[in-house]
């Protein structure tokens, strides 16, 4: 799984800087979520309800994002390895922050384990929902896509042989064969619409 990680030496990352950046992003997302919650409230709470009524959402988002990034980056720096275990560890502590709202120990462990499993599995499969699709650096992307385009392409002669003529599929000499079929079936001589020279 980790041949690409073993080929290159690990370079330490700025834990504090990345934590501040991620906390800023998740705080903004929390502010937006709080604003939506405030808008959907049944009672009129005013614009300051974003902070007064649903402000805890902002704090939870900020704490989850900051905790995730800090634990993930610190774990990578301590282990000197960039892999899915760092993401799972960050996901566990981030999920535990979410579980603190329930104020029970099983909720803390449950939310932490659920988020760790989901995020660790997502990272393990290559960060996509389609599985591990790490590209080979030796293969030219244009050539790979050209091969995919022509891999299942069928020739016109084969398509004509399998489907037959009609329904918009016309082979060479179709008009002559059509004229002959009409003359045999109905006795009508169909003239061609060839342009006069």
Protein backbone atom coordinates (compact mmCIF):
# COMPACT_ATOMS: atom_id res chain seq x y z
CA UNK A 1 0.00 0.00 0.00
CA UNK A 2 2.67 2.50 0.96
CA UNK A 3 5.40 2.07 -1.63
CA UNK A 4 5.11 5.73 -2.67
CA UNK A 5 5.41 6.81 0.97
CA UNK A 6 8.53 4.69 1.45
CA UNK A 7 10.26 6.03 -1.68
CA UNK A 8 10.41 9.60 -0.41
CA UNK A 9 11.73 10.81 2.94
CA UNK A 10 9.20 12.47 5.24
CA UNK A 11 9.30 16.26 5.51
CA UNK A 12 7.98 17.72 8.80
CA UNK A 13 4.92 19.95 8.51
CA UNK A 14 4.01 23.18 10.29
CA UNK A 15 1.46 21.88 12.81
CA UNK A 16 0.47 25.23 14.31
CA UNK A 17 0.13 27.02 10.97
CA UNK A 18 -2.00 24.27 9.44
CA UNK A 19 -4.12 24.14 12.58
CA UNK A 20 -4.84 27.88 12.44
CA UNK A 21 -5.74 27.71 8.75
CA UNK A 22 -8.09 24.77 9.21
CA UNK A 23 -9.65 26.32 12.30
CA UNK A 24 -10.35 29.48 10.31
CA UNK A 25 -12.01 27.51 7.53
CA UNK A 26 -14.17 25.41 9.85
CA UNK A 27 -15.09 28.46 11.92
CA UNK A 28 -16.39 30.10 8.74
CA UNK A 29 -18.39 26.96 7.92
CA UNK A 30 -19.74 26.95 11.49
CA UNK A 31 -20.72 30.62 11.19
CA UNK A 32 -22.61 29.87 7.98
CA UNK A 33 -24.32 26.86 9.58
CA UNK A 34 -25.26 28.93 12.61
CA UNK A 35 -26.71 31.59 10.34
CA UNK A 36 -28.84 28.98 8.58
CA UNK A 37 -30.02 27.60 11.93
CA UNK A 38 -30.87 31.13 13.06
CA UNK A 39 -32.81 31.79 9.86
CA UNK A 40 -34.85 28.59 10.26
CA UNK A 41 -35.80 29.39 13.88
CA UNK A 42 -39.55 29.64 14.51
CA UNK A 43 -39.28 32.66 16.74
CA UNK A 44 -37.82 35.99 15.68
CA UNK A 45 -34.42 36.08 17.40
CA UNK A 46 -32.76 38.82 15.34
CA UNK A 47 -29.38 38.86 13.61
CA UNK A 48 -27.39 38.47 16.86
CA UNK A 49 -29.05 35.10 17.39
CA UNK A 50 -26.25 33.69 15.21
CA UNK A 51 -23.98 34.18 18.23
CA UNK A 52 -26.43 34.20 21.14
CA UNK A 53 -28.81 31.38 20.24
CA UNK A 54 -26.88 29.04 17.88
CA UNK A 55 -23.35 30.23 18.61
CA UNK A 56 -22.32 26.89 20.05
CA UNK A 57 -22.39 25.52 16.49
CA UNK A 58 -19.58 27.90 15.56
CA UNK A 59 -17.52 26.72 18.53
CA UNK A 60 -18.08 23.04 17.78
CA UNK A 61 -17.09 23.44 14.12
CA UNK A 62 -13.98 25.45 15.06
CA UNK A 63 -12.95 22.94 17.75
CA UNK A 64 -13.53 19.93 15.50
CA UNK A 65 -11.55 21.37 12.59
CA UNK A 66 -8.68 22.59 14.73
CA UNK A 67 -8.47 19.35 16.70
CA UNK A 68 -8.56 17.22 13.57
CA UNK A 69 -5.80 19.14 11.81
CA UNK A 70 -3.61 19.40 14.91
CA UNK A 71 -3.80 15.69 15.78
CA UNK A 72 -3.39 14.58 12.16
CA UNK A 73 -0.34 16.76 11.50
CA UNK A 74 1.27 16.13 14.91
CA UNK A 75 0.79 12.39 14.46
CA UNK A 76 2.40 12.54 11.01
CA UNK A 77 5.34 14.51 12.40
CA UNK A 78 5.82 12.11 15.34
CA UNK A 79 5.49 8.96 13.23
CA UNK A 80 7.37 10.52 10.29
CA UNK A 81 4.85 8.90 7.96
CA UNK A 82 1.93 10.26 5.94
CA UNK A 83 -0.83 7.64 5.83
CA UNK A 84 -4.46 6.87 6.72
CA UNK A 85 -3.69 6.23 10.41
CA UNK A 86 -3.00 9.95 10.95
CA UNK A 87 -6.37 10.80 9.42
CA UNK A 88 -8.14 8.16 11.53
CA UNK A 89 -6.50 9.47 14.71
CA UNK A 90 -7.47 13.05 13.86
CA UNK A 91 -10.99 11.87 13.04
CA UNK A 92 -11.29 10.13 16.41
CA UNK A 93 -10.40 13.22 18.44
CA UNK A 94 -12.53 15.42 16.19
CA UNK A 95 -15.50 13.08 16.61
CA UNK A 96 -14.93 13.03 20.35
CA UNK A 97 -15.36 16.83 20.35
CA UNK A 98 -18.73 16.33 18.68
CA UNK A 99 -19.60 13.67 21.26
CA UNK A 100 -18.92 16.15 24.10
CA UNK A 101 -22.24 17.84 23.31
CA UNK A 102 -24.08 14.70 24.49
CA UNK A 103 -22.10 14.77 27.79
CA UNK A 104 -21.79 11.00 28.04
CA UNK A 105 -18.67 8.87 27.75
CA UNK A 106 -20.23 6.36 25.32
CA UNK A 107 -21.21 9.22 23.01
CA UNK A 108 -17.64 10.54 23.05
CA UNK A 109 -16.24 7.12 22.16
CA UNK A 110 -19.00 6.38 19.66
CA UNK A 111 -18.75 9.64 17.73
CA UNK A 112 -14.95 9.40 17.80
CA UNK A 113 -14.91 5.82 16.53
CA UNK A 114 -17.51 6.53 13.83
CA UNK A 115 -15.65 9.55 12.46
CA UNK A 116 -12.27 7.80 12.73
CA UNK A 117 -13.59 4.81 10.79
CA UNK A 118 -15.23 6.91 8.08
CA UNK A 119 -12.31 9.27 7.55
CA UNK A 120 -9.64 6.57 7.86
CA UNK A 121 -11.43 4.37 5.31
CA UNK A 122 -11.89 7.33 2.95
CA UNK A 123 -8.17 8.13 3.13
CA UNK A 124 -7.19 4.46 2.82
CA UNK A 125 -9.11 4.13 -0.45
CA UNK A 126 -7.14 7.01 -1.94
CA UNK A 127 -9.34 9.91 -0.89
CA UNK A 128 -12.12 9.08 -3.34
CA UNK A 129 -15.38 7.19 -3.22
CA UNK A 130 -14.27 5.11 -6.21
CA UNK A 131 -11.39 3.27 -4.54
CA UNK A 132 -7.64 3.60 -4.68
CA UNK A 133 -6.84 5.18 -8.03
CA UNK A 134 -3.29 6.38 -7.56
CA UNK A 135 -1.94 7.09 -11.02
CA UNK A 136 1.26 5.63 -12.36
CA UNK A 137 3.70 8.52 -12.92
CA UNK A 138 5.32 6.65 -15.85
CA UNK A 139 2.12 6.56 -17.92
CA UNK A 140 1.24 9.59 -20.04
CA UNK A 141 -2.31 10.72 -19.17
CA UNK A 142 -3.18 11.65 -22.77
CA UNK A 143 -2.09 8.24 -24.07
CA UNK A 144 -4.01 6.49 -21.28
CA UNK A 145 -7.21 8.33 -22.16
CA UNK A 146 -6.75 7.68 -25.89
CA UNK A 147 -6.42 3.97 -25.14
CA UNK A 148 -9.59 4.05 -23.02
CA UNK A 149 -11.50 5.75 -25.86
CA UNK A 150 -10.46 3.16 -28.46
CA UNK A 151 -10.56 0.11 -26.22
CA UNK A 152 -14.25 -0.67 -26.73
CA UNK A 153 -14.80 1.09 -30.05
CA UNK A 154 -16.54 -1.04 -32.69
CA UNK A 155 -15.88 -0.66 -36.40
CA UNK A 156 -18.67 0.56 -38.68
CA UNK A 157 -18.71 -2.69 -40.67
CA UNK A 158 -19.18 -4.75 -37.50
CA UNK A 159 -21.99 -2.48 -36.25
CA UNK A 160 -23.70 -2.71 -39.65
CA UNK A 161 -23.38 -6.51 -39.69
CA UNK A 162 -24.81 -6.86 -36.17
CA UNK A 163 -27.66 -4.34 -36.36
CA UNK A 164 -28.48 -4.29 -40.05
CA UNK A 165 -29.50 -1.30 -42.14
CA UNK A 166 -32.31 1.06 -41.24
CA UNK A 167 -33.08 3.24 -38.21
CA UNK A 168 -30.52 5.78 -39.37
CA UNK A 169 -27.79 3.18 -40.02
CA UNK A 170 -26.83 3.16 -43.70
CA UNK A 171 -24.00 1.27 -45.31
CA UNK A 172 -22.33 1.93 -48.65
CA UNK A 173 -24.77 1.46 -51.56
CA UNK A 174 -27.83 1.78 -49.31
CA UNK A 175 -29.78 4.00 -51.75
CA UNK A 176 -29.38 1.50 -54.62
CA UNK A 177 -30.53 -1.44 -52.48
CA UNK A 178 -33.48 0.63 -51.19
CA UNK A 179 -34.54 1.51 -54.75
CA UNK A 180 -34.44 -2.15 -55.75
CA UNK A 181 -36.50 -3.24 -52.71
CA UNK A 182 -39.17 -0.61 -53.43
CA UNK A 183 -39.36 -1.65 -57.11
CA UNK A 184 -39.70 -5.35 -56.17
CA UNK A 185 -42.30 -4.76 -53.44
CA UNK A 186 -44.43 -2.01 -55.01
CA UNK A 187 -43.39 -1.79 -58.67
CA UNK A 188 -42.43 1.87 -58.32
CA UNK A 189 -39.29 3.11 -59.98
CA UNK A 190 -37.64 5.60 -57.62
CA UNK A 191 -35.40 8.15 -59.30
CA UNK A 192 -32.25 9.46 -57.69
CA UNK A 193 -31.96 13.06 -56.66
CA UNK A 194 -28.49 13.45 -58.06
CA UNK A 195 -27.51 17.08 -58.63
CA UNK A 196 -27.42 18.13 -62.28
CA UNK A 197 -23.97 18.82 -63.55
